[in-house]
Amino acid sequence: MTDLDIRLTRCFAGAFPDLRETQIPSATVDNTASWDSMGALTLAALIEEEFGVTFGDDVIGSLRSYAAVRAELAKSIPDAAVQVSGR
């Protein structure tokens, strides 16, 4: 698991506490009941704080899955895909 995944999973857990950690990598708007407009804003705020990035409204609306969020972050953060050992 990469540092990006560890930190992003923590953000998702904060925004969607009903998800088990094993469910987070496959989380989408369609399979996460609490991923409504407030959930999306909470998630965006947690990610922005954790990673020091800012998402525009157009980007926030397009982030409809863990995979989409991760891909967007990987574009913004240098060395985001570096593997972290021992975690």
PDB file of N, CA and C in Angstrom:
ATOM      1  N   MET A   1       0.851  -1.174   0.000  1.00  0.00           N
ATOM      2  CA  MET A   1       0.000   0.000   0.000  1.00  0.00           C
ATOM      3  C   MET A   1       0.897   1.238   0.000  1.00  0.00           C
ATOM      4  N   THR A   2       0.547   2.203  -0.808  1.00  0.00           N
ATOM      5  CA  THR A   2       1.345   3.418  -0.894  1.00  0.00           C
ATOM      6  C   THR A   2       0.932   4.408   0.190  1.00  0.00           C
ATOM      7  N   ASP A   3       1.788   5.388   0.420  1.00  0.00           N
ATOM      8  CA  ASP A   3       1.459   6.467   1.351  1.00  0.00           C
ATOM      9  C   ASP A   3       0.180   7.165   0.901  1.00  0.00           C
ATOM     10  N   LEU A   4       0.029   7.355  -0.401  1.00  0.00           N
ATOM     11  CA  LEU A   4      -1.186   7.959  -0.946  1.00  0.00           C
ATOM     12  C   LEU A   4      -2.409   7.156  -0.545  1.00  0.00           C
ATOM     13  N   ASP A   5      -2.353   5.842  -0.704  1.00  0.00           N
ATOM     14  CA  ASP A   5      -3.498   4.990  -0.367  1.00  0.00           C
ATOM     15  C   ASP A   5      -3.807   5.025   1.127  1.00  0.00           C
ATOM     16  N   ILE A   6      -2.783   5.012   1.942  1.00  0.00           N
ATOM     17  CA  ILE A   6      -2.988   5.047   3.398  1.00  0.00           C
ATOM     18  C   ILE A   6      -3.694   6.344   3.788  1.00  0.00           C
ATOM     19  N   ARG A   7      -3.191   7.446   3.296  1.00  0.00           N
ATOM     20  CA  ARG A   7      -3.762   8.752   3.642  1.00  0.00           C
ATOM     21  C   ARG A   7      -5.152   8.936   3.047  1.00  0.00           C
ATOM     22  N   LEU A   8      -5.347   8.485   1.812  1.00  0.00           N
ATOM     23  CA  LEU A   8      -6.651   8.621   1.167  1.00  0.00           C
ATOM     24  C   LEU A   8      -7.687   7.731   1.848  1.00  0.00           C
ATOM     25  N   THR A   9      -7.296   6.546   2.226  1.00  0.00           N
ATOM     26  CA  THR A   9      -8.209   5.659   2.954  1.00  0.00           C
ATOM     27  C   THR A   9      -8.647   6.307   4.261  1.00  0.00           C
ATOM     28  N   ARG A  10      -7.723   6.973   4.926  1.00  0.00           N
ATOM     29  CA  ARG A  10      -8.057   7.679   6.168  1.00  0.00           C
ATOM     30  C   ARG A  10      -9.082   8.788   5.904  1.00  0.00           C
ATOM     31  N   CYS A  11      -8.947   9.503   4.804  1.00  0.00           N
ATOM     32  CA  CYS A  11      -9.916  10.541   4.437  1.00  0.00           C
ATOM     33  C   CYS A  11     -11.296   9.941   4.169  1.00  0.00           C
ATOM     34  N   PHE A  12     -11.321   8.857   3.411  1.00  0.00           N
ATOM     35  CA  PHE A  12     -12.593   8.192   3.123  1.00  0.00           C
ATOM     36  C   PHE A  12     -13.244   7.678   4.410  1.00  0.00           C
ATOM     37  N   ALA A  13     -12.451   7.141   5.316  1.00  0.00           N
ATOM     38  CA  ALA A  13     -12.994   6.641   6.581  1.00  0.00           C
ATOM     39  C   ALA A  13     -13.590   7.781   7.396  1.00  0.00           C
ATOM     40  N   GLY A  14     -12.985   8.956   7.336  1.00  0.00           N
ATOM     41  CA  GLY A  14     -13.522  10.109   8.042  1.00  0.00           C
ATOM     42  C   GLY A  14     -14.820  10.612   7.445  1.00  0.00           C
ATOM     43  N   ALA A  15     -14.902  10.592   6.126  1.00  0.00           N
ATOM     44  CA  ALA A  15     -16.105  11.080   5.446  1.00  0.00           C
ATOM     45  C   ALA A  15     -17.242  10.062   5.467  1.00  0.00           C
ATOM     46  N   PHE A  16     -16.879   8.779   5.414  1.00  0.00           N
ATOM     47  CA  PHE A  16     -17.874   7.709   5.330  1.00  0.00           C
ATOM     48  C   PHE A  16     -17.603   6.654   6.404  1.00  0.00           C
ATOM     49  N   PRO A  17     -17.886   6.978   7.668  1.00  0.00           N
ATOM     50  CA  PRO A  17     -17.527   6.070   8.764  1.00  0.00           C
ATOM     51  C   PRO A  17     -18.242   4.720   8.735  1.00  0.00           C
ATOM     52  N   ASP A  18     -19.297   4.597   7.960  1.00  0.00           N
ATOM     53  CA  ASP A  18     -20.000   3.313   7.871  1.00  0.00           C
ATOM     54  C   ASP A  18     -19.258   2.306   6.987  1.00  0.00           C
ATOM     55  N   LEU A  19     -18.312   2.771   6.184  1.00  0.00           N
ATOM     56  CA  LEU A  19     -17.554   1.854   5.325  1.00  0.00           C
ATOM     57  C   LEU A  19     -16.473   1.139   6.124  1.00  0.00           C
ATOM     58  N   ARG A  20     -16.352  -0.156   5.884  1.00  0.00           N
ATOM     59  CA  ARG A  20     -15.210  -0.885   6.440  1.00  0.00           C
ATOM     60  C   ARG A  20     -13.988  -0.554   5.588  1.00  0.00           C
ATOM     61  N   GLU A  21     -12.822  -0.647   6.180  1.00  0.00           N
ATOM     62  CA  GLU A  21     -11.598  -0.308   5.464  1.00  0.00           C
ATOM     63  C   GLU A  21     -11.450  -1.114   4.175  1.00  0.00           C
ATOM     64  N   THR A  22     -11.896  -2.366   4.204  1.00  0.00           N
ATOM     65  CA  THR A  22     -11.782  -3.210   3.014  1.00  0.00           C
ATOM     66  C   THR A  22     -12.727  -2.778   1.891  1.00  0.00           C
ATOM     67  N   GLN A  23     -13.778  -2.019   2.226  1.00  0.00           N
ATOM     68  CA  GLN A  23     -14.728  -1.536   1.228  1.00  0.00           C
ATOM     69  C   GLN A  23     -14.277  -0.245   0.557  1.00  0.00           C
ATOM     70  N   ILE A  24     -13.385   0.483   1.197  1.00  0.00           N
ATOM     71  CA  ILE A  24     -13.028   1.817   0.724  1.00  0.00           C
ATOM     72  C   ILE A  24     -12.440   1.819  -0.689  1.00  0.00           C
ATOM     73  N   PRO A  25     -11.506   0.936  -1.036  1.00  0.00           N
ATOM     74  CA  PRO A  25     -10.947   1.000  -2.396  1.00  0.00           C
ATOM     75  C   PRO A  25     -11.972   0.801  -3.519  1.00  0.00           C
ATOM     76  N   SER A  26     -13.086   0.184  -3.215  1.00  0.00           N
ATOM     77  CA  SER A  26     -14.112  -0.017  -4.244  1.00  0.00           C
ATOM     78  C   SER A  26     -15.310   0.920  -4.065  1.00  0.00           C
ATOM     79  N   ALA A  27     -15.177   1.903  -3.185  1.00  0.00           N
ATOM     80  CA  ALA A  27     -16.284   2.831  -2.923  1.00  0.00           C
ATOM     81  C   ALA A  27     -16.568   3.712  -4.131  1.00  0.00           C
ATOM     82  N   THR A  28     -17.861   3.863  -4.406  1.00  0.00           N
ATOM     83  CA  THR A  28     -18.328   4.752  -5.471  1.00  0.00           C
ATOM     84  C   THR A  28     -19.559   5.498  -4.973  1.00  0.00           C
ATOM     85  N   VAL A  29     -19.945   6.508  -5.717  1.00  0.00           N
ATOM     86  CA  VAL A  29     -21.179   7.226  -5.412  1.00  0.00           C
ATOM     87  C   VAL A  29     -22.357   6.251  -5.424  1.00  0.00           C
ATOM     88  N   ASP A  30     -22.334   5.298  -6.329  1.00  0.00           N
ATOM     89  CA  ASP A  30     -23.458   4.377  -6.491  1.00  0.00           C
ATOM     90  C   ASP A  30     -23.556   3.318  -5.406  1.00  0.00           C
ATOM     91  N   ASN A  31     -22.446   2.943  -4.765  1.00  0.00           N
ATOM     92  CA  ASN A  31     -22.519   1.878  -3.758  1.00  0.00           C
ATOM     93  C   ASN A  31     -22.271   2.362  -2.328  1.00  0.00           C
ATOM     94  N   THR A  32     -22.203   3.681  -2.139  1.00  0.00           N
ATOM     95  CA  THR A  32     -21.980   4.248  -0.810  1.00  0.00           C
ATOM     96  C   THR A  32     -23.139   5.190  -0.493  1.00  0.00           C
ATOM     97  N   ALA A  33     -24.064   4.732   0.342  1.00  0.00           N
ATOM     98  CA  ALA A  33     -25.291   5.484   0.614  1.00  0.00           C
ATOM     99  C   ALA A  33     -25.022   6.883   1.150  1.00  0.00           C
ATOM    100  N   SER A  34     -23.988   7.042   1.961  1.00  0.00           N
ATOM    101  CA  SER A  34     -23.717   8.349   2.561  1.00  0.00           C
ATOM    102  C   SER A  34     -22.941   9.290   1.629  1.00  0.00           C
ATOM    103  N   TRP A  35     -22.625   8.831   0.412  1.00  0.00           N
ATOM    104  CA  TRP A  35     -21.897   9.670  -0.540  1.00  0.00           C
ATOM    105  C   TRP A  35     -22.907  10.528  -1.304  1.00  0.00           C
ATOM    106  N   ASP A  36     -23.494  11.474  -0.574  1.00  0.00           N
ATOM    107  CA  ASP A  36     -24.402  12.443  -1.155  1.00  0.00           C
ATOM    108  C   ASP A  36     -23.649  13.769  -1.279  1.00  0.00           C
ATOM    109  N   SER A  37     -24.350  14.879  -1.488  1.00  0.00           N
ATOM    110  CA  SER A  37     -23.651  16.152  -1.672  1.00  0.00           C
ATOM    111  C   SER A  37     -22.862  16.553  -0.427  1.00  0.00           C
ATOM    112  N   MET A  38     -23.402  16.319   0.751  1.00  0.00           N
ATOM    113  CA  MET A  38     -22.681  16.641   1.985  1.00  0.00           C
ATOM    114  C   MET A  38     -21.484  15.708   2.175  1.00  0.00           C
ATOM    115  N   GLY A  39     -21.660  14.444   1.849  1.00  0.00           N
ATOM    116  CA  GLY A  39     -20.562  13.488   1.936  1.00  0.00           C
ATOM    117  C   GLY A  39     -19.429  13.860   0.997  1.00  0.00           C
ATOM    118  N   ALA A  40     -19.787  14.302  -0.208  1.00  0.00           N
ATOM    119  CA  ALA A  40     -18.780  14.706  -1.190  1.00  0.00           C
ATOM    120  C   ALA A  40     -18.002  15.928  -0.713  1.00  0.00           C
ATOM    121  N   LEU A  41     -18.713  16.890  -0.131  1.00  0.00           N
ATOM    122  CA  LEU A  41     -18.041  18.085   0.385  1.00  0.00           C
ATOM    123  C   LEU A  41     -17.147  17.756   1.574  1.00  0.00           C
ATOM    124  N   THR A  42     -17.620  16.876   2.441  1.00  0.00           N
ATOM    125  CA  THR A  42     -16.815  16.450   3.587  1.00  0.00           C
ATOM    126  C   THR A  42     -15.553  15.746   3.106  1.00  0.00           C
ATOM    127  N   LEU A  43     -15.710  14.839   2.157  1.00  0.00           N
ATOM    128  CA  LEU A  43     -14.568  14.121   1.603  1.00  0.00           C
ATOM    129  C   LEU A  43     -13.580  15.096   0.969  1.00  0.00           C
ATOM    130  N   ALA A  44     -14.080  16.027   0.172  1.00  0.00           N
ATOM    131  CA  ALA A  44     -13.198  16.997  -0.488  1.00  0.00           C
ATOM    132  C   ALA A  44     -12.432  17.824   0.545  1.00  0.00           C
ATOM    133  N   ALA A  45     -13.117  18.261   1.596  1.00  0.00           N
ATOM    134  CA  ALA A  45     -12.455  19.060   2.636  1.00  0.00           C
ATOM    135  C   ALA A  45     -11.365  18.251   3.340  1.00  0.00           C
ATOM    136  N   LEU A  46     -11.654  16.996   3.656  1.00  0.00           N
ATOM    137  CA  LEU A  46     -10.665  16.146   4.312  1.00  0.00           C
ATOM    138  C   LEU A  46      -9.451  15.912   3.415  1.00  0.00           C
ATOM    139  N   ILE A  47      -9.696  15.677   2.135  1.00  0.00           N
ATOM    140  CA  ILE A  47      -8.603  15.442   1.188  1.00  0.00           C
ATOM    141  C   ILE A  47      -7.775  16.709   1.010  1.00  0.00           C
ATOM    142  N   GLU A  48      -8.445  17.835   0.860  1.00  0.00           N
ATOM    143  CA  GLU A  48      -7.730  19.092   0.686  1.00  0.00           C
ATOM    144  C   GLU A  48      -6.843  19.387   1.894  1.00  0.00           C
ATOM    145  N   GLU A  49      -7.358  19.127   3.084  1.00  0.00           N
ATOM    146  CA  GLU A  49      -6.571  19.348   4.298  1.00  0.00           C
ATOM    147  C   GLU A  49      -5.413  18.356   4.407  1.00  0.00           C
ATOM    148  N   GLU A  50      -5.683  17.100   4.135  1.00  0.00           N
ATOM    149  CA  GLU A  50      -4.658  16.052   4.263  1.00  0.00           C
ATOM    150  C   GLU A  50      -3.525  16.221   3.258  1.00  0.00           C
ATOM    151  N   PHE A  51      -3.872  16.554   2.020  1.00  0.00           N
ATOM    152  CA  PHE A  51      -2.880  16.570   0.949  1.00  0.00           C
ATOM    153  C   PHE A  51      -2.433  17.970   0.538  1.00  0.00           C
ATOM    154  N   GLY A  52      -3.083  19.008   1.067  1.00  0.00           N
ATOM    155  CA  GLY A  52      -2.697  20.367   0.701  1.00  0.00           C
ATOM    156  C   GLY A  52      -2.997  20.712  -0.741  1.00  0.00           C
ATOM    157  N   VAL A  53      -4.058  20.144  -1.263  1.00  0.00           N
ATOM    158  CA  VAL A  53      -4.491  20.436  -2.637  1.00  0.00           C
ATOM    159  C   VAL A  53      -5.827  21.152  -2.587  1.00  0.00           C
ATOM    160  N   THR A  54      -6.189  21.769  -3.690  1.00  0.00           N
ATOM    161  CA  THR A  54      -7.497  22.415  -3.796  1.00  0.00           C
ATOM    162  C   THR A  54      -8.173  21.896  -5.049  1.00  0.00           C
ATOM    163  N   PHE A  55      -9.392  21.415  -4.885  1.00  0.00           N
ATOM    164  CA  PHE A  55     -10.182  20.940  -6.013  1.00  0.00           C
ATOM    165  C   PHE A  55     -11.194  22.010  -6.393  1.00  0.00           C
ATOM    166  N   GLY A  56     -11.315  22.278  -7.679  1.00  0.00           N
ATOM    167  CA  GLY A  56     -12.371  23.162  -8.154  1.00  0.00           C
ATOM    168  C   GLY A  56     -13.706  22.427  -8.127  1.00  0.00           C
ATOM    169  N   ASP A  57     -14.784  23.195  -8.186  1.00  0.00           N
ATOM    170  CA  ASP A  57     -16.119  22.590  -8.164  1.00  0.00           C
ATOM    171  C   ASP A  57     -16.311  21.590  -9.299  1.00  0.00           C
ATOM    172  N   ASP A  58     -15.746  21.889 -10.458  1.00  0.00           N
ATOM    173  CA  ASP A  58     -15.887  20.985 -11.603  1.00  0.00           C
ATOM    174  C   ASP A  58     -15.188  19.653 -11.347  1.00  0.00           C
ATOM    175  N   VAL A  59     -14.061  19.692 -10.661  1.00  0.00           N
ATOM    176  CA  VAL A  59     -13.331  18.460 -10.350  1.00  0.00           C
ATOM    177  C   VAL A  59     -14.060  17.666  -9.265  1.00  0.00           C
ATOM    178  N   ILE A  60     -14.521  18.342  -8.236  1.00  0.00           N
ATOM    179  CA  ILE A  60     -15.225  17.653  -7.147  1.00  0.00           C
ATOM    180  C   ILE A  60     -16.410  16.868  -7.694  1.00  0.00           C
ATOM    181  N   GLY A  61     -17.147  17.458  -8.611  1.00  0.00           N
ATOM    182  CA  GLY A  61     -18.308  16.788  -9.194  1.00  0.00           C
ATOM    183  C   GLY A  61     -17.961  15.559 -10.019  1.00  0.00           C
ATOM    184  N   SER A  62     -16.729  15.503 -10.514  1.00  0.00           N
ATOM    185  CA  SER A  62     -16.335  14.367 -11.352  1.00  0.00           C
ATOM    186  C   SER A  62     -15.707  13.228 -10.551  1.00  0.00           C
ATOM    187  N   LEU A  63     -15.436  13.464  -9.292  1.00  0.00           N
ATOM    188  CA  LEU A  63     -14.795  12.438  -8.455  1.00  0.00           C
ATOM    189  C   LEU A  63     -15.873  11.557  -7.833  1.00  0.00           C
ATOM    190  N   ARG A  64     -16.224  10.503  -8.529  1.00  0.00           N
ATOM    191  CA  ARG A  64     -17.360   9.674  -8.138  1.00  0.00           C
ATOM    192  C   ARG A  64     -16.967   8.286  -7.647  1.00  0.00           C
ATOM    193  N   SER A  65     -15.659   8.097  -7.398  1.00  0.00           N
ATOM    194  CA  SER A  65     -15.188   6.820  -6.871  1.00  0.00           C
ATOM    195  C   SER A  65     -13.831   7.015  -6.209  1.00  0.00           C
ATOM    196  N   TYR A  66     -13.465   6.058  -5.375  1.00  0.00           N
ATOM    197  CA  TYR A  66     -12.132   6.074  -4.767  1.00  0.00           C
ATOM    198  C   TYR A  66     -11.079   6.114  -5.874  1.00  0.00           C
ATOM    199  N   ALA A  67     -11.263   5.293  -6.890  1.00  0.00           N
ATOM    200  CA  ALA A  67     -10.288   5.217  -7.976  1.00  0.00           C
ATOM    201  C   ALA A  67     -10.139   6.562  -8.685  1.00  0.00           C
ATOM    202  N   ALA A  68     -11.238   7.268  -8.913  1.00  0.00           N
ATOM    203  CA  ALA A  68     -11.184   8.572  -9.573  1.00  0.00           C
ATOM    204  C   ALA A  68     -10.473   9.597  -8.697  1.00  0.00           C
ATOM    205  N   VAL A  69     -10.753   9.573  -7.395  1.00  0.00           N
ATOM    206  CA  VAL A  69     -10.091  10.492  -6.468  1.00  0.00           C
ATOM    207  C   VAL A  69      -8.599  10.205  -6.441  1.00  0.00           C
ATOM    208  N   ARG A  70      -8.260   8.926  -6.365  1.00  0.00           N
ATOM    209  CA  ARG A  70      -6.852   8.537  -6.308  1.00  0.00           C
ATOM    210  C   ARG A  70      -6.111   8.977  -7.569  1.00  0.00           C
ATOM    211  N   ALA A  71      -6.730   8.787  -8.723  1.00  0.00           N
ATOM    212  CA  ALA A  71      -6.103   9.176  -9.986  1.00  0.00           C
ATOM    213  C   ALA A  71      -5.882  10.688 -10.041  1.00  0.00           C
ATOM    214  N   GLU A  72      -6.850  11.450  -9.581  1.00  0.00           N
ATOM    215  CA  GLU A  72      -6.716  12.908  -9.572  1.00  0.00           C
ATOM    216  C   GLU A  72      -5.591  13.338  -8.639  1.00  0.00           C
ATOM    217  N   LEU A  73      -5.508  12.729  -7.474  1.00  0.00           N
ATOM    218  CA  LEU A  73      -4.431  13.056  -6.538  1.00  0.00           C
ATOM    219  C   LEU A  73      -3.068  12.666  -7.090  1.00  0.00           C
ATOM    220  N   ALA A  74      -2.994  11.522  -7.733  1.00  0.00           N
ATOM    221  CA  ALA A  74      -1.715  11.057  -8.282  1.00  0.00           C
ATOM    222  C   ALA A  74      -1.168  12.036  -9.312  1.00  0.00           C
ATOM    223  N   LYS A  75      -2.054  12.746 -10.021  1.00  0.00           N
ATOM    224  CA  LYS A  75      -1.615  13.752 -10.983  1.00  0.00           C
ATOM    225  C   LYS A  75      -1.044  14.985 -10.278  1.00  0.00           C
ATOM    226  N   SER A  76      -1.510  15.240  -9.065  1.00  0.00           N
ATOM    227  CA  SER A  76      -1.166  16.467  -8.350  1.00  0.00           C
ATOM    228  C   SER A  76      -0.007  16.331  -7.380  1.00  0.00           C
ATOM    229  N   ILE A  77       0.290  15.105  -6.973  1.00  0.00           N
ATOM    230  CA  ILE A  77       1.269  14.891  -5.908  1.00  0.00           C
ATOM    231  C   ILE A  77       2.481  14.152  -6.465  1.00  0.00           C
ATOM    232  N   PRO A  78       3.662  14.754  -6.355  1.00  0.00           N
ATOM    233  CA  PRO A  78       4.861  14.069  -6.832  1.00  0.00           C
ATOM    234  C   PRO A  78       5.106  12.764  -6.069  1.00  0.00           C
ATOM    235  N   ASP A  79       5.548  11.758  -6.777  1.00  0.00           N
ATOM    236  CA  ASP A  79       5.888  10.474  -6.177  1.00  0.00           C
ATOM    237  C   ASP A  79       4.714   9.825  -5.445  1.00  0.00           C
ATOM    238  N   ALA A  80       3.492  10.089  -5.869  1.00  0.00           N
ATOM    239  CA  ALA A  80       2.323   9.552  -5.182  1.00  0.00           C
ATOM    240  C   ALA A  80       2.228   8.048  -5.242  1.00  0.00           C
ATOM    241  N   ALA A  81       2.847   7.436  -6.221  1.00  0.00           N
ATOM    242  CA  ALA A  81       2.722   5.991  -6.381  1.00  0.00           C
ATOM    243  C   ALA A  81       3.871   5.216  -5.722  1.00  0.00           C
ATOM    244  N   VAL A  82       4.687   5.896  -4.948  1.00  0.00           N
ATOM    245  CA  VAL A  82       5.795   5.213  -4.300  1.00  0.00           C
ATOM    246  C   VAL A  82       5.254   4.228  -3.266  1.00  0.00           C
ATOM    247  N   GLN A  83       5.704   3.020  -3.343  1.00  0.00           N
ATOM    248  CA  GLN A  83       5.259   1.959  -2.423  1.00  0.00           C
ATOM    249  C   GLN A  83       5.840   2.178  -1.035  1.00  0.00           C
ATOM    250  N   VAL A  84       5.004   2.041  -0.033  1.00  0.00           N
ATOM    251  CA  VAL A  84       5.450   2.146   1.353  1.00  0.00           C
ATOM    252  C   VAL A  84       5.519   0.735   1.920  1.00  0.00           C
ATOM    253  N   SER A  85       6.664   0.359   2.409  1.00  0.00           N
ATOM    254  CA  SER A  85       6.798  -0.999   2.954  1.00  0.00           C
ATOM    255  C   SER A  85       6.529  -0.986   4.441  1.00  0.00           C
ATOM    256  N   GLY A  86       6.054  -2.105   4.943  1.00  0.00           N
ATOM    257  CA  GLY A  86       5.856  -2.288   6.366  1.00  0.00           C
ATOM    258  C   GLY A  86       4.602  -1.667   6.920  1.00  0.00           C
ATOM    259  N   ARG A  87       3.701  -1.194   6.078  1.00  0.00           N
ATOM    260  CA  ARG A  87       2.447  -0.624   6.579  1.00  0.00           C
ATOM    261  C   ARG A  87       1.292  -1.437   6.096  1.00  0.00           C
TER     262      ARG A  87
END
